[in-house]
Amino acid sequence: MTMFPADILALSEKIIREFSAAGLMVSTAESCTGGLIASALTEISGSSAVVDRGFVTYTNTAKMEMLGVHDEALARFGAVSEETARQMVHGALFRSRAAVAVAVTGIAGPGGGSPEKPVGLVHLAAKSRRGELLHRKMLYGDIGREQVRLATVATALEMLLSLK
């Protein structure tokens, strides 16, 4: 029994099918989703041909050590920022054998938000080895921790598909 809604499973199936047919692999760098993007992808049979690796980097130290995020960026912009998401996706792409990577960092709640960075704010970045780089700043709102995380997974999967 899967824990993912039908829309996420459908996106995951499409990624596995299309990326497998194209001979492309993906990697993920996840903070607020804690591995849910990689988990959604690996729910699908045949995912071993597509999913190279996933990085769960919940702390700033993990972001720096595993993905090469610069401490200056974290100090200046914070963990939940466009700059950090961009550095995370770069690290996930170039520290893997993937053709495309996605990274997410955000505030799932229920606490941890501020007026500048409210609960439900998530920065996502996707990057391909061809040089394409996407960024999305999502304001999902204070809709509950699980819903923020699932909405982030769906957005991340859509971004991966758009870079195939």
N, C-alpha and C. Protein backbone atom coordinates (compact mmCIF):
# COMPACT_ATOMS: atom_id res chain seq x y z
N MET A 1 0.84 -1.19 0.00
CA MET A 1 0.00 0.00 0.00
C MET A 1 0.88 1.24 0.00
N THR A 2 0.59 2.15 -0.87
CA THR A 2 1.40 3.36 -1.00
C THR A 2 0.81 4.49 -0.15
N MET A 3 1.67 5.41 0.23
CA MET A 3 1.21 6.55 1.01
C MET A 3 1.00 7.78 0.15
N PHE A 4 1.23 7.66 -1.14
CA PHE A 4 1.16 8.82 -2.02
C PHE A 4 -0.18 8.91 -2.73
N PRO A 5 -0.68 10.15 -2.90
CA PRO A 5 -1.92 10.32 -3.67
C PRO A 5 -1.73 9.98 -5.14
N ALA A 6 -2.84 9.77 -5.83
CA ALA A 6 -2.82 9.31 -7.22
C ALA A 6 -2.07 10.28 -8.14
N ASP A 7 -2.18 11.59 -7.91
CA ASP A 7 -1.51 12.54 -8.81
C ASP A 7 0.01 12.41 -8.72
N ILE A 8 0.52 12.19 -7.53
CA ILE A 8 1.97 12.03 -7.35
C ILE A 8 2.44 10.71 -7.96
N LEU A 9 1.66 9.66 -7.78
CA LEU A 9 2.02 8.37 -8.38
C LEU A 9 2.00 8.46 -9.90
N ALA A 10 1.03 9.18 -10.46
CA ALA A 10 0.96 9.33 -11.92
C ALA A 10 2.17 10.10 -12.45
N LEU A 11 2.56 11.17 -11.76
CA LEU A 11 3.76 11.92 -12.17
C LEU A 11 5.00 11.04 -12.06
N SER A 12 5.11 10.28 -10.98
CA SER A 12 6.26 9.40 -10.79
C SER A 12 6.33 8.35 -11.88
N GLU A 13 5.19 7.75 -12.22
CA GLU A 13 5.15 6.75 -13.29
C GLU A 13 5.59 7.35 -14.62
N LYS A 14 5.14 8.57 -14.89
CA LYS A 14 5.50 9.23 -16.15
C LYS A 14 7.01 9.50 -16.20
N ILE A 15 7.58 9.95 -15.08
CA ILE A 15 9.02 10.20 -15.03
C ILE A 15 9.78 8.91 -15.26
N ILE A 16 9.41 7.85 -14.55
CA ILE A 16 10.14 6.57 -14.69
C ILE A 16 10.04 6.08 -16.13
N ARG A 17 8.86 6.12 -16.71
CA ARG A 17 8.66 5.65 -18.09
C ARG A 17 9.46 6.49 -19.10
N GLU A 18 9.32 7.81 -19.02
CA GLU A 18 9.95 8.68 -20.02
C GLU A 18 11.46 8.78 -19.85
N PHE A 19 11.92 8.89 -18.62
CA PHE A 19 13.36 8.98 -18.39
C PHE A 19 14.03 7.66 -18.72
N SER A 20 13.38 6.54 -18.40
CA SER A 20 13.94 5.23 -18.72
C SER A 20 14.07 5.07 -20.23
N ALA A 21 13.05 5.47 -20.96
CA ALA A 21 13.08 5.37 -22.42
C ALA A 21 14.18 6.24 -23.02
N ALA A 22 14.46 7.37 -22.38
CA ALA A 22 15.50 8.29 -22.87
C ALA A 22 16.88 7.96 -22.31
N GLY A 23 16.96 6.97 -21.42
CA GLY A 23 18.25 6.61 -20.83
C GLY A 23 18.79 7.65 -19.87
N LEU A 24 17.90 8.38 -19.20
CA LEU A 24 18.31 9.46 -18.29
C LEU A 24 18.09 9.07 -16.84
N MET A 25 18.99 9.53 -15.98
CA MET A 25 18.85 9.31 -14.54
C MET A 25 18.60 10.63 -13.84
N VAL A 26 18.02 10.54 -12.64
CA VAL A 26 17.73 11.71 -11.83
C VAL A 26 18.35 11.55 -10.44
N SER A 27 18.59 12.70 -9.80
CA SER A 27 18.97 12.72 -8.39
C SER A 27 18.14 13.78 -7.70
N THR A 28 18.02 13.63 -6.39
CA THR A 28 17.22 14.57 -5.60
C THR A 28 18.05 15.10 -4.43
N ALA A 29 17.77 16.34 -4.04
CA ALA A 29 18.35 16.93 -2.84
C ALA A 29 17.18 17.49 -2.05
N GLU A 30 16.93 16.92 -0.89
CA GLU A 30 15.72 17.26 -0.16
C GLU A 30 16.01 17.72 1.26
N SER A 31 15.32 18.79 1.63
CA SER A 31 15.36 19.23 3.01
C SER A 31 13.98 19.03 3.62
N CYS A 32 13.04 19.92 3.36
CA CYS A 32 11.73 19.85 4.03
C CYS A 32 10.93 18.60 3.68
N THR A 33 11.21 17.95 2.57
CA THR A 33 10.49 16.74 2.18
C THR A 33 11.13 15.47 2.74
N GLY A 34 12.31 15.56 3.26
CA GLY A 34 12.93 14.45 3.96
C GLY A 34 13.03 13.14 3.20
N GLY A 35 13.15 13.20 1.88
CA GLY A 35 13.29 11.98 1.09
C GLY A 35 12.01 11.55 0.38
N LEU A 36 10.94 12.31 0.53
CA LEU A 36 9.67 11.91 -0.08
C LEU A 36 9.70 11.92 -1.60
N ILE A 37 10.48 12.80 -2.21
CA ILE A 37 10.55 12.82 -3.68
C ILE A 37 11.19 11.53 -4.18
N ALA A 38 12.31 11.15 -3.59
CA ALA A 38 12.97 9.90 -3.96
C ALA A 38 12.06 8.71 -3.65
N SER A 39 11.35 8.78 -2.54
CA SER A 39 10.43 7.70 -2.18
C SER A 39 9.30 7.56 -3.19
N ALA A 40 8.74 8.69 -3.63
CA ALA A 40 7.66 8.63 -4.62
C ALA A 40 8.16 8.00 -5.92
N LEU A 41 9.36 8.38 -6.33
CA LEU A 41 9.91 7.82 -7.57
C LEU A 41 10.17 6.32 -7.42
N THR A 42 10.69 5.91 -6.27
CA THR A 42 11.04 4.50 -6.10
C THR A 42 9.84 3.63 -5.75
N GLU A 43 8.65 4.22 -5.64
CA GLU A 43 7.40 3.44 -5.53
C GLU A 43 7.12 2.71 -6.84
N ILE A 44 7.71 3.22 -7.92
CA ILE A 44 7.38 2.72 -9.25
C ILE A 44 8.36 1.63 -9.68
N SER A 45 7.81 0.54 -10.16
CA SER A 45 8.63 -0.55 -10.68
C SER A 45 9.47 -0.03 -11.85
N GLY A 46 10.74 -0.41 -11.87
CA GLY A 46 11.64 0.06 -12.92
C GLY A 46 12.40 1.31 -12.54
N SER A 47 12.17 1.83 -11.34
CA SER A 47 12.81 3.08 -10.93
C SER A 47 14.32 2.95 -10.79
N SER A 48 14.84 1.74 -10.63
CA SER A 48 16.29 1.59 -10.47
C SER A 48 17.04 2.00 -11.73
N ALA A 49 16.36 2.03 -12.87
CA ALA A 49 17.00 2.48 -14.11
C ALA A 49 17.05 4.00 -14.20
N VAL A 50 16.33 4.69 -13.31
CA VAL A 50 16.17 6.14 -13.41
C VAL A 50 16.71 6.89 -12.20
N VAL A 51 16.46 6.38 -11.01
CA VAL A 51 16.86 7.08 -9.79
C VAL A 51 18.29 6.71 -9.44
N ASP A 52 19.20 7.69 -9.57
CA ASP A 52 20.60 7.44 -9.23
C ASP A 52 20.81 7.51 -7.73
N ARG A 53 20.40 8.63 -7.12
CA ARG A 53 20.58 8.79 -5.68
C ARG A 53 19.76 9.98 -5.18
N GLY A 54 19.54 9.97 -3.87
CA GLY A 54 18.86 11.08 -3.21
C GLY A 54 19.67 11.53 -2.02
N PHE A 55 19.76 12.82 -1.85
CA PHE A 55 20.44 13.42 -0.71
C PHE A 55 19.39 14.02 0.21
N VAL A 56 19.34 13.58 1.45
CA VAL A 56 18.47 14.22 2.44
C VAL A 56 19.38 15.07 3.31
N THR A 57 19.27 16.37 3.14
CA THR A 57 20.18 17.31 3.82
C THR A 57 19.34 18.26 4.66
N TYR A 58 18.96 17.80 5.83
CA TYR A 58 18.06 18.56 6.68
C TYR A 58 18.78 19.70 7.39
N THR A 59 20.04 19.48 7.73
CA THR A 59 20.78 20.53 8.44
C THR A 59 21.66 21.32 7.48
N ASN A 60 22.06 22.50 7.92
CA ASN A 60 22.98 23.30 7.10
C ASN A 60 24.30 22.57 6.91
N THR A 61 24.77 21.89 7.95
CA THR A 61 26.02 21.14 7.85
C THR A 61 25.91 20.07 6.76
N ALA A 62 24.80 19.37 6.72
CA ALA A 62 24.60 18.35 5.68
C ALA A 62 24.57 18.98 4.30
N LYS A 63 23.92 20.13 4.18
CA LYS A 63 23.87 20.82 2.88
C LYS A 63 25.29 21.17 2.42
N MET A 64 26.12 21.61 3.35
CA MET A 64 27.50 21.98 3.00
C MET A 64 28.33 20.73 2.69
N GLU A 65 28.28 19.73 3.56
CA GLU A 65 29.13 18.55 3.40
C GLU A 65 28.72 17.68 2.21
N MET A 66 27.43 17.46 2.03
CA MET A 66 26.98 16.52 1.00
C MET A 66 26.78 17.16 -0.37
N LEU A 67 26.42 18.45 -0.38
CA LEU A 67 26.07 19.10 -1.64
C LEU A 67 26.97 20.25 -2.03
N GLY A 68 27.86 20.66 -1.13
CA GLY A 68 28.76 21.76 -1.43
C GLY A 68 28.13 23.14 -1.34
N VAL A 69 27.01 23.25 -0.61
CA VAL A 69 26.41 24.57 -0.40
C VAL A 69 27.40 25.41 0.40
N HIS A 70 27.59 26.66 -0.01
CA HIS A 70 28.56 27.53 0.64
C HIS A 70 28.01 28.09 1.94
N ASP A 71 28.84 28.11 2.98
CA ASP A 71 28.41 28.65 4.26
C ASP A 71 28.04 30.12 4.14
N GLU A 72 28.69 30.84 3.23
CA GLU A 72 28.36 32.26 3.03
C GLU A 72 26.93 32.43 2.53
N ALA A 73 26.50 31.55 1.64
CA ALA A 73 25.13 31.62 1.12
C ALA A 73 24.13 31.34 2.23
N LEU A 74 24.42 30.36 3.05
CA LEU A 74 23.52 30.04 4.15
C LEU A 74 23.44 31.19 5.14
N ALA A 75 24.58 31.81 5.42
CA ALA A 75 24.60 32.93 6.37
C ALA A 75 23.88 34.14 5.79
N ARG A 76 24.06 34.40 4.52
CA ARG A 76 23.49 35.61 3.91
C ARG A 76 22.02 35.46 3.55
N PHE A 77 21.65 34.31 2.96
CA PHE A 77 20.29 34.13 2.45
C PHE A 77 19.42 33.20 3.30
N GLY A 78 20.06 32.33 4.08
CA GLY A 78 19.33 31.36 4.88
C GLY A 78 19.15 30.04 4.15
N ALA A 79 18.81 29.01 4.91
CA ALA A 79 18.61 27.68 4.32
C ALA A 79 17.43 27.68 3.36
N VAL A 80 16.39 28.44 3.69
CA VAL A 80 15.20 28.50 2.85
C VAL A 80 15.32 29.74 1.97
N SER A 81 15.93 29.54 0.80
CA SER A 81 16.17 30.65 -0.12
C SER A 81 16.41 30.12 -1.52
N GLU A 82 16.24 31.01 -2.48
CA GLU A 82 16.51 30.65 -3.87
C GLU A 82 17.98 30.26 -4.04
N GLU A 83 18.86 31.03 -3.46
CA GLU A 83 20.30 30.76 -3.59
C GLU A 83 20.66 29.38 -3.06
N THR A 84 20.14 29.04 -1.89
CA THR A 84 20.44 27.72 -1.31
C THR A 84 19.87 26.60 -2.18
N ALA A 85 18.64 26.76 -2.67
CA ALA A 85 18.04 25.74 -3.55
C ALA A 85 18.89 25.55 -4.81
N ARG A 86 19.36 26.66 -5.38
CA ARG A 86 20.19 26.57 -6.59
C ARG A 86 21.51 25.84 -6.30
N GLN A 87 22.13 26.14 -5.17
CA GLN A 87 23.38 25.46 -4.83
C GLN A 87 23.13 23.98 -4.51
N MET A 88 22.01 23.70 -3.87
CA MET A 88 21.67 22.30 -3.58
C MET A 88 21.50 21.50 -4.86
N VAL A 89 20.77 22.04 -5.83
CA VAL A 89 20.54 21.28 -7.06
C VAL A 89 21.83 21.11 -7.85
N HIS A 90 22.68 22.12 -7.82
CA HIS A 90 23.97 21.99 -8.50
C HIS A 90 24.77 20.83 -7.87
N GLY A 91 24.81 20.80 -6.55
CA GLY A 91 25.53 19.72 -5.87
C GLY A 91 24.94 18.36 -6.15
N ALA A 92 23.61 18.27 -6.16
CA ALA A 92 22.96 16.98 -6.42
C ALA A 92 23.23 16.49 -7.83
N LEU A 93 23.30 17.42 -8.77
CA LEU A 93 23.55 17.04 -10.16
C LEU A 93 25.00 16.59 -10.35
N PHE A 94 25.91 17.38 -9.86
CA PHE A 94 27.32 17.11 -10.15
C PHE A 94 28.01 16.20 -9.14
N ARG A 95 27.27 15.75 -8.12
CA ARG A 95 27.78 14.72 -7.21
C ARG A 95 27.01 13.42 -7.44
N SER A 96 26.52 13.26 -8.66
CA SER A 96 25.78 12.06 -9.05
C SER A 96 26.05 11.78 -10.52
N ARG A 97 25.42 10.72 -11.02
CA ARG A 97 25.50 10.40 -12.45
C ARG A 97 24.23 10.81 -13.18
N ALA A 98 23.42 11.63 -12.52
CA ALA A 98 22.13 12.03 -13.07
C ALA A 98 22.28 13.03 -14.21
N ALA A 99 21.30 13.01 -15.10
CA ALA A 99 21.20 14.01 -16.17
C ALA A 99 20.39 15.20 -15.70
N VAL A 100 19.51 14.96 -14.72
CA VAL A 100 18.63 15.99 -14.19
C VAL A 100 18.52 15.81 -12.68
N ALA A 101 18.48 16.94 -11.97
CA ALA A 101 18.32 16.89 -10.51
C ALA A 101 17.28 17.90 -10.08
N VAL A 102 16.72 17.66 -8.90
CA VAL A 102 15.79 18.61 -8.29
C VAL A 102 16.17 18.77 -6.83
N ALA A 103 15.98 19.99 -6.31
CA ALA A 103 16.27 20.28 -4.90
C ALA A 103 15.14 21.09 -4.30
N VAL A 104 14.86 20.83 -3.02
CA VAL A 104 13.81 21.55 -2.31
C VAL A 104 14.27 21.94 -0.92
N THR A 105 13.90 23.14 -0.50
CA THR A 105 14.16 23.61 0.85
C THR A 105 13.03 24.53 1.25
N GLY A 106 12.45 24.30 2.42
CA GLY A 106 11.30 25.10 2.80
C GLY A 106 10.90 24.95 4.25
N ILE A 107 9.77 25.54 4.56
CA ILE A 107 9.23 25.53 5.92
C ILE A 107 7.87 24.84 5.88
N ALA A 108 7.86 23.56 6.29
CA ALA A 108 6.64 22.76 6.22
C ALA A 108 5.69 23.05 7.38
N GLY A 109 6.20 23.57 8.47
CA GLY A 109 5.37 23.89 9.63
C GLY A 109 5.21 22.70 10.56
N PRO A 110 4.39 22.83 11.58
CA PRO A 110 3.52 23.97 11.81
C PRO A 110 4.25 25.20 12.35
N GLY A 111 5.42 25.03 12.93
CA GLY A 111 6.19 26.17 13.42
C GLY A 111 7.32 26.50 12.48
N GLY A 112 8.16 27.45 12.90
CA GLY A 112 9.37 27.76 12.15
C GLY A 112 9.24 28.90 11.17
N GLY A 113 8.05 29.39 10.98
CA GLY A 113 7.87 30.48 10.03
C GLY A 113 8.12 31.84 10.65
N SER A 114 8.21 32.84 9.78
CA SER A 114 8.39 34.23 10.21
C SER A 114 7.65 35.10 9.20
N PRO A 115 7.50 36.39 9.48
CA PRO A 115 6.84 37.25 8.48
C PRO A 115 7.57 37.24 7.12
N GLU A 116 8.90 37.17 7.14
CA GLU A 116 9.68 37.15 5.89
C GLU A 116 9.65 35.79 5.22
N LYS A 117 9.60 34.74 6.03
CA LYS A 117 9.60 33.36 5.51
C LYS A 117 8.50 32.58 6.23
N PRO A 118 7.27 32.69 5.72
CA PRO A 118 6.14 32.06 6.40
C PRO A 118 6.09 30.55 6.21
N VAL A 119 5.35 29.90 7.09
CA VAL A 119 5.08 28.47 6.93
C VAL A 119 4.45 28.27 5.56
N GLY A 120 4.93 27.26 4.85
CA GLY A 120 4.44 26.97 3.51
C GLY A 120 5.30 27.53 2.40
N LEU A 121 6.35 28.30 2.76
CA LEU A 121 7.30 28.80 1.76
C LEU A 121 8.27 27.68 1.40
N VAL A 122 8.38 27.39 0.11
CA VAL A 122 9.33 26.39 -0.36
C VAL A 122 10.02 26.92 -1.61
N HIS A 123 11.34 26.79 -1.64
CA HIS A 123 12.12 27.10 -2.84
C HIS A 123 12.52 25.77 -3.48
N LEU A 124 12.25 25.66 -4.77
CA LEU A 124 12.61 24.47 -5.53
C LEU A 124 13.50 24.88 -6.69
N ALA A 125 14.46 24.02 -7.01
CA ALA A 125 15.31 24.25 -8.17
C ALA A 125 15.49 22.92 -8.89
N ALA A 126 15.52 23.00 -10.20
CA ALA A 126 15.79 21.82 -11.03
C ALA A 126 16.84 22.22 -12.05
N LYS A 127 17.73 21.29 -12.34
CA LYS A 127 18.84 21.60 -13.24
C LYS A 127 19.17 20.37 -14.09
N SER A 128 19.53 20.64 -15.34
CA SER A 128 19.96 19.56 -16.22
C SER A 128 21.42 19.78 -16.61
N ARG A 129 22.05 18.72 -17.04
CA ARG A 129 23.45 18.82 -17.50
C ARG A 129 23.55 19.60 -18.81
N ARG A 130 22.42 19.81 -19.48
CA ARG A 130 22.43 20.65 -20.68
C ARG A 130 22.51 22.13 -20.32
N GLY A 131 22.37 22.45 -19.03
CA GLY A 131 22.50 23.83 -18.59
C GLY A 131 21.23 24.51 -18.17
N GLU A 132 20.09 23.87 -18.42
CA GLU A 132 18.82 24.48 -18.01
C GLU A 132 18.74 24.52 -16.48
N LEU A 133 18.22 25.62 -15.97
CA LEU A 133 18.05 25.79 -14.53
C LEU A 133 16.71 26.45 -14.28
N LEU A 134 15.89 25.79 -13.49
CA LEU A 134 14.58 26.32 -13.13
C LEU A 134 14.55 26.62 -11.64
N HIS A 135 13.80 27.64 -11.25
CA HIS A 135 13.57 27.93 -9.85
C HIS A 135 12.09 28.27 -9.67
N ARG A 136 11.52 27.77 -8.61
CA ARG A 136 10.16 28.15 -8.26
C ARG A 136 10.11 28.49 -6.78
N LYS A 137 9.50 29.61 -6.49
CA LYS A 137 9.22 30.00 -5.11
C LYS A 137 7.74 29.75 -4.89
N MET A 138 7.44 28.78 -4.03
CA MET A 138 6.05 28.41 -3.80
C MET A 138 5.62 28.91 -2.42
N LEU A 139 4.43 29.46 -2.37
CA LEU A 139 3.82 29.87 -1.12
C LEU A 139 2.55 29.04 -0.95
N TYR A 140 2.72 27.84 -0.42
CA TYR A 140 1.59 26.92 -0.28
C TYR A 140 0.64 27.36 0.82
N GLY A 141 1.15 28.15 1.76
CA GLY A 141 0.34 28.57 2.89
C GLY A 141 0.43 27.59 4.04
N ASP A 142 -0.17 27.95 5.14
CA ASP A 142 -0.15 27.13 6.35
C ASP A 142 -1.26 26.08 6.24
N ILE A 143 -1.06 25.12 5.34
CA ILE A 143 -2.08 24.11 5.01
C ILE A 143 -1.84 22.79 5.74
N GLY A 144 -0.87 22.78 6.63
CA GLY A 144 -0.53 21.55 7.35
C GLY A 144 0.76 20.95 6.81
N ARG A 145 1.53 20.40 7.71
CA ARG A 145 2.85 19.86 7.37
C ARG A 145 2.78 18.84 6.23
N GLU A 146 1.90 17.87 6.36
CA GLU A 146 1.81 16.82 5.34
C GLU A 146 1.43 17.39 3.99
N GLN A 147 0.49 18.33 3.95
CA GLN A 147 0.05 18.90 2.68
C GLN A 147 1.12 19.76 2.03
N VAL A 148 1.88 20.50 2.83
CA VAL A 148 3.00 21.28 2.28
C VAL A 148 4.02 20.33 1.65
N ARG A 149 4.34 19.26 2.36
CA ARG A 149 5.34 18.32 1.85
C ARG A 149 4.85 17.62 0.58
N LEU A 150 3.59 17.19 0.55
CA LEU A 150 3.07 16.52 -0.64
C LEU A 150 2.95 17.48 -1.82
N ALA A 151 2.54 18.71 -1.57
CA ALA A 151 2.47 19.70 -2.65
C ALA A 151 3.87 19.96 -3.21
N THR A 152 4.88 19.98 -2.33
CA THR A 152 6.26 20.17 -2.78
C THR A 152 6.72 19.01 -3.65
N VAL A 153 6.38 17.79 -3.26
CA VAL A 153 6.74 16.62 -4.06
C VAL A 153 6.14 16.74 -5.45
N ALA A 154 4.86 17.09 -5.54
CA ALA A 154 4.20 17.20 -6.84
C ALA A 154 4.86 18.27 -7.71
N THR A 155 5.17 19.42 -7.11
CA THR A 155 5.85 20.49 -7.88
C THR A 155 7.22 20.04 -8.35
N ALA A 156 7.97 19.37 -7.48
CA ALA A 156 9.31 18.90 -7.84
C ALA A 156 9.24 17.90 -8.99
N LEU A 157 8.29 17.00 -8.96
CA LEU A 157 8.15 16.01 -10.03
C LEU A 157 7.80 16.70 -11.36
N GLU A 158 6.92 17.69 -11.30
CA GLU A 158 6.58 18.44 -12.52
C GLU A 158 7.82 19.14 -13.09
N MET A 159 8.65 19.69 -12.20
CA MET A 159 9.87 20.37 -12.65
C MET A 159 10.83 19.37 -13.31
N LEU A 160 10.98 18.18 -12.74
CA LEU A 160 11.82 17.15 -13.36
C LEU A 160 11.32 16.83 -14.76
N LEU A 161 10.03 16.61 -14.89
CA LEU A 161 9.46 16.28 -16.19
C LEU A 161 9.72 17.37 -17.22
N SER A 162 9.68 18.61 -16.80
CA SER A 162 9.86 19.71 -17.75
C SER A 162 11.30 19.80 -18.26
N LEU A 163 12.24 19.12 -17.61
CA LEU A 163 13.65 19.16 -18.04
C LEU A 163 14.08 17.91 -18.79
N LYS A 164 13.17 16.95 -18.98
CA LYS A 164 13.54 15.71 -19.67
C LYS A 164 13.99 16.03 -21.04
